[in-house]
Amino acid sequence: MLALYDINNALFETKERLMSEASLTMRQKIRAMADELPVDASWDDVIEEARFRRAVELGIAAADREAFATDEEVRSAFARWGVKV
C-alpha cells in the first residue's frame, strides 16, 4: 500500500507534467503519454492513464475555481465508505 506521502508526490508530479502540457494539442498530449508508458503497455494501461490524467485535469480546474468539498462533505463521504477520520 502506498504511503500518503508517495501518493501526494505522484499527484504533484502528474500535476506539474499536465500543467507543462497545457498548451499542447491533444495529439501532442497523446504522443507524450505514449512515450511515458512502458513498452509492454496494454490498451487497458492506455485507457487507465488517460482517465487518470483527465481526472487530474478536472481536479486542477476545480481547484482553480476554488470548488472544494467542505470538511463535513469529506467526513460524510469517508463515513459512507467506512473510513474513520
N, C-alpha and C. Protein backbone atom coordinates (compact mmCIF):
# COMPACT_ATOMS: atom_id res chain seq x y z
N MET A 1 0.84 -1.18 0.00
CA MET A 1 0.00 0.00 0.00
C MET A 1 0.89 1.25 0.00
N LEU A 2 0.58 2.17 -0.88
CA LEU A 2 1.36 3.39 -0.96
C LEU A 2 1.11 4.28 0.24
N ALA A 3 2.15 4.89 0.70
CA ALA A 3 2.01 5.85 1.78
C ALA A 3 1.40 7.14 1.22
N LEU A 4 0.73 7.88 2.10
CA LEU A 4 0.11 9.13 1.68
C LEU A 4 1.13 10.06 1.03
N TYR A 5 2.34 10.08 1.56
CA TYR A 5 3.41 10.91 1.01
C TYR A 5 3.68 10.52 -0.45
N ASP A 6 3.75 9.22 -0.71
CA ASP A 6 4.01 8.74 -2.07
C ASP A 6 2.90 9.14 -3.03
N ILE A 7 1.66 9.03 -2.56
CA ILE A 7 0.51 9.41 -3.38
C ILE A 7 0.54 10.90 -3.67
N ASN A 8 0.79 11.71 -2.64
CA ASN A 8 0.87 13.16 -2.84
C ASN A 8 1.99 13.51 -3.81
N ASN A 9 3.12 12.85 -3.67
CA ASN A 9 4.25 13.09 -4.58
C ASN A 9 3.87 12.76 -6.02
N ALA A 10 3.23 11.61 -6.21
CA ALA A 10 2.83 11.20 -7.55
C ALA A 10 1.83 12.18 -8.15
N LEU A 11 0.87 12.63 -7.34
CA LEU A 11 -0.11 13.59 -7.84
C LEU A 11 0.55 14.92 -8.18
N PHE A 12 1.48 15.37 -7.34
CA PHE A 12 2.18 16.63 -7.61
C PHE A 12 2.96 16.53 -8.92
N GLU A 13 3.67 15.42 -9.10
CA GLU A 13 4.44 15.25 -10.33
C GLU A 13 3.53 15.20 -11.55
N THR A 14 2.39 14.52 -11.41
CA THR A 14 1.43 14.45 -12.52
C THR A 14 0.87 15.83 -12.81
N LYS A 15 0.53 16.58 -11.77
CA LYS A 15 0.01 17.93 -11.96
C LYS A 15 1.04 18.79 -12.69
N GLU A 16 2.28 18.73 -12.26
CA GLU A 16 3.33 19.52 -12.91
C GLU A 16 3.46 19.13 -14.38
N ARG A 17 3.43 17.84 -14.65
CA ARG A 17 3.56 17.37 -16.04
C ARG A 17 2.37 17.83 -16.87
N LEU A 18 1.17 17.71 -16.31
CA LEU A 18 -0.02 18.13 -17.06
C LEU A 18 -0.05 19.63 -17.28
N MET A 19 0.39 20.39 -16.30
CA MET A 19 0.41 21.84 -16.47
C MET A 19 1.40 22.24 -17.55
N SER A 20 2.52 21.51 -17.64
CA SER A 20 3.50 21.83 -18.68
C SER A 20 2.98 21.43 -20.06
N GLU A 21 2.01 20.50 -20.08
CA GLU A 21 1.43 20.07 -21.35
C GLU A 21 0.17 20.86 -21.70
N ALA A 22 -0.22 21.81 -20.87
CA ALA A 22 -1.50 22.52 -21.03
C ALA A 22 -1.64 23.17 -22.40
N SER A 23 -0.56 23.68 -22.96
CA SER A 23 -0.66 24.40 -24.24
C SER A 23 -0.48 23.47 -25.44
N LEU A 24 -0.27 22.19 -25.19
CA LEU A 24 -0.08 21.25 -26.29
C LEU A 24 -1.43 20.87 -26.91
N THR A 25 -1.40 20.45 -28.15
CA THR A 25 -2.62 19.94 -28.77
C THR A 25 -2.90 18.55 -28.19
N MET A 26 -4.11 18.07 -28.38
CA MET A 26 -4.47 16.74 -27.89
C MET A 26 -3.56 15.69 -28.50
N ARG A 27 -3.26 15.83 -29.76
CA ARG A 27 -2.38 14.87 -30.44
C ARG A 27 -1.00 14.85 -29.78
N GLN A 28 -0.48 16.01 -29.43
CA GLN A 28 0.82 16.08 -28.77
C GLN A 28 0.75 15.47 -27.37
N LYS A 29 -0.36 15.70 -26.66
CA LYS A 29 -0.53 15.12 -25.33
C LYS A 29 -0.56 13.59 -25.39
N ILE A 30 -1.25 13.07 -26.41
CA ILE A 30 -1.35 11.62 -26.56
C ILE A 30 0.03 11.03 -26.86
N ARG A 31 0.78 11.70 -27.70
CA ARG A 31 2.13 11.22 -28.01
C ARG A 31 3.02 11.25 -26.77
N ALA A 32 2.91 12.32 -25.98
CA ALA A 32 3.70 12.42 -24.74
C ALA A 32 3.31 11.31 -23.77
N MET A 33 2.02 11.05 -23.67
CA MET A 33 1.56 9.98 -22.78
C MET A 33 2.10 8.63 -23.26
N ALA A 34 2.03 8.39 -24.55
CA ALA A 34 2.52 7.13 -25.11
C ALA A 34 4.01 6.95 -24.83
N ASP A 35 4.77 8.02 -24.91
CA ASP A 35 6.21 7.96 -24.65
C ASP A 35 6.51 7.61 -23.20
N GLU A 36 5.60 7.95 -22.28
CA GLU A 36 5.83 7.69 -20.86
C GLU A 36 5.37 6.30 -20.42
N LEU A 37 4.55 5.63 -21.24
CA LEU A 37 4.07 4.30 -20.88
C LEU A 37 5.16 3.26 -21.10
N PRO A 38 5.09 2.17 -20.33
CA PRO A 38 6.06 1.09 -20.55
C PRO A 38 5.91 0.51 -21.96
N VAL A 39 6.98 -0.07 -22.45
CA VAL A 39 6.98 -0.63 -23.81
C VAL A 39 5.91 -1.70 -23.96
N ASP A 40 5.65 -2.45 -22.90
CA ASP A 40 4.68 -3.54 -22.98
C ASP A 40 3.29 -3.14 -22.49
N ALA A 41 2.98 -1.85 -22.52
CA ALA A 41 1.68 -1.36 -22.05
C ALA A 41 0.55 -1.94 -22.91
N SER A 42 -0.56 -2.23 -22.24
CA SER A 42 -1.73 -2.75 -22.94
C SER A 42 -2.70 -1.61 -23.21
N TRP A 43 -3.76 -1.89 -23.97
CA TRP A 43 -4.78 -0.89 -24.20
C TRP A 43 -5.42 -0.48 -22.88
N ASP A 44 -5.58 -1.45 -21.96
CA ASP A 44 -6.13 -1.12 -20.64
C ASP A 44 -5.24 -0.12 -19.91
N ASP A 45 -3.92 -0.28 -20.04
CA ASP A 45 -2.98 0.67 -19.42
C ASP A 45 -3.16 2.06 -20.02
N VAL A 46 -3.32 2.11 -21.33
CA VAL A 46 -3.50 3.39 -22.03
C VAL A 46 -4.77 4.08 -21.53
N ILE A 47 -5.86 3.32 -21.46
CA ILE A 47 -7.14 3.88 -21.02
C ILE A 47 -7.05 4.33 -19.57
N GLU A 48 -6.44 3.52 -18.72
CA GLU A 48 -6.30 3.89 -17.31
C GLU A 48 -5.49 5.18 -17.15
N GLU A 49 -4.41 5.30 -17.88
CA GLU A 49 -3.58 6.51 -17.81
C GLU A 49 -4.33 7.72 -18.32
N ALA A 50 -5.06 7.55 -19.42
CA ALA A 50 -5.84 8.67 -19.98
C ALA A 50 -6.92 9.12 -18.99
N ARG A 51 -7.61 8.16 -18.38
CA ARG A 51 -8.64 8.51 -17.39
C ARG A 51 -8.03 9.20 -16.18
N PHE A 52 -6.87 8.72 -15.73
CA PHE A 52 -6.20 9.34 -14.59
C PHE A 52 -5.83 10.78 -14.92
N ARG A 53 -5.23 10.98 -16.09
CA ARG A 53 -4.84 12.34 -16.47
C ARG A 53 -6.05 13.27 -16.58
N ARG A 54 -7.14 12.77 -17.11
CA ARG A 54 -8.36 13.59 -17.22
C ARG A 54 -8.89 13.94 -15.84
N ALA A 55 -8.87 12.97 -14.92
CA ALA A 55 -9.33 13.24 -13.56
C ALA A 55 -8.46 14.30 -12.89
N VAL A 56 -7.15 14.24 -13.11
CA VAL A 56 -6.26 15.25 -12.55
C VAL A 56 -6.54 16.61 -13.17
N GLU A 57 -6.73 16.65 -14.50
CA GLU A 57 -7.06 17.92 -15.16
C GLU A 57 -8.33 18.53 -14.58
N LEU A 58 -9.36 17.68 -14.39
CA LEU A 58 -10.62 18.17 -13.82
C LEU A 58 -10.43 18.64 -12.39
N GLY A 59 -9.61 17.94 -11.63
CA GLY A 59 -9.32 18.35 -10.26
C GLY A 59 -8.59 19.67 -10.20
N ILE A 60 -7.64 19.86 -11.09
CA ILE A 60 -6.91 21.13 -11.15
C ILE A 60 -7.87 22.27 -11.50
N ALA A 61 -8.74 22.02 -12.48
CA ALA A 61 -9.71 23.05 -12.87
C ALA A 61 -10.65 23.38 -11.71
N ALA A 62 -11.08 22.37 -10.97
CA ALA A 62 -11.95 22.60 -9.81
C ALA A 62 -11.21 23.40 -8.74
N ALA A 63 -9.95 23.06 -8.52
CA ALA A 63 -9.15 23.80 -7.53
C ALA A 63 -8.96 25.25 -7.96
N ASP A 64 -8.74 25.44 -9.25
CA ASP A 64 -8.59 26.81 -9.76
C ASP A 64 -9.86 27.63 -9.56
N ARG A 65 -11.02 26.95 -9.60
CA ARG A 65 -12.31 27.64 -9.36
C ARG A 65 -12.63 27.71 -7.87
N GLU A 66 -11.74 27.13 -7.06
CA GLU A 66 -11.95 27.03 -5.61
C GLU A 66 -13.21 26.24 -5.29
N ALA A 67 -13.48 25.23 -6.09
CA ALA A 67 -14.65 24.37 -5.91
C ALA A 67 -14.25 23.16 -5.06
N PHE A 68 -14.04 23.40 -3.80
CA PHE A 68 -13.60 22.36 -2.88
C PHE A 68 -14.77 21.81 -2.08
N ALA A 69 -14.64 20.57 -1.66
CA ALA A 69 -15.62 19.99 -0.74
C ALA A 69 -15.36 20.56 0.65
N THR A 70 -16.43 20.75 1.39
CA THR A 70 -16.28 21.22 2.77
C THR A 70 -15.74 20.07 3.63
N ASP A 71 -15.25 20.40 4.79
CA ASP A 71 -14.77 19.37 5.71
C ASP A 71 -15.88 18.37 6.01
N GLU A 72 -17.09 18.87 6.21
CA GLU A 72 -18.21 17.99 6.54
C GLU A 72 -18.54 17.06 5.37
N GLU A 73 -18.47 17.56 4.14
CA GLU A 73 -18.72 16.71 2.97
C GLU A 73 -17.68 15.60 2.87
N VAL A 74 -16.45 15.93 3.17
CA VAL A 74 -15.38 14.92 3.13
C VAL A 74 -15.60 13.89 4.23
N ARG A 75 -15.88 14.35 5.45
CA ARG A 75 -16.13 13.42 6.56
C ARG A 75 -17.31 12.51 6.24
N SER A 76 -18.36 13.07 5.68
CA SER A 76 -19.55 12.30 5.34
C SER A 76 -19.23 11.23 4.29
N ALA A 77 -18.47 11.60 3.28
CA ALA A 77 -18.09 10.64 2.24
C ALA A 77 -17.24 9.52 2.84
N PHE A 78 -16.26 9.88 3.66
CA PHE A 78 -15.42 8.87 4.30
C PHE A 78 -16.26 7.95 5.18
N ALA A 79 -17.21 8.51 5.90
CA ALA A 79 -18.07 7.71 6.78
C ALA A 79 -18.87 6.71 5.94
N ARG A 80 -19.37 7.14 4.78
CA ARG A 80 -20.11 6.22 3.91
C ARG A 80 -19.24 5.07 3.44
N TRP A 81 -17.95 5.33 3.29
CA TRP A 81 -17.01 4.32 2.82
C TRP A 81 -16.42 3.51 3.97
N GLY A 82 -16.83 3.85 5.20
CA GLY A 82 -16.33 3.12 6.36
C GLY A 82 -14.92 3.53 6.79
N VAL A 83 -14.50 4.72 6.41
CA VAL A 83 -13.18 5.24 6.79
C VAL A 83 -13.33 6.17 7.96
N LYS A 84 -12.58 5.90 9.02
CA LYS A 84 -12.64 6.76 10.20
C LYS A 84 -11.61 7.89 10.05
N VAL A 85 -12.07 9.11 10.27
CA VAL A 85 -11.16 10.26 10.19
C VAL A 85 -11.11 10.99 11.51
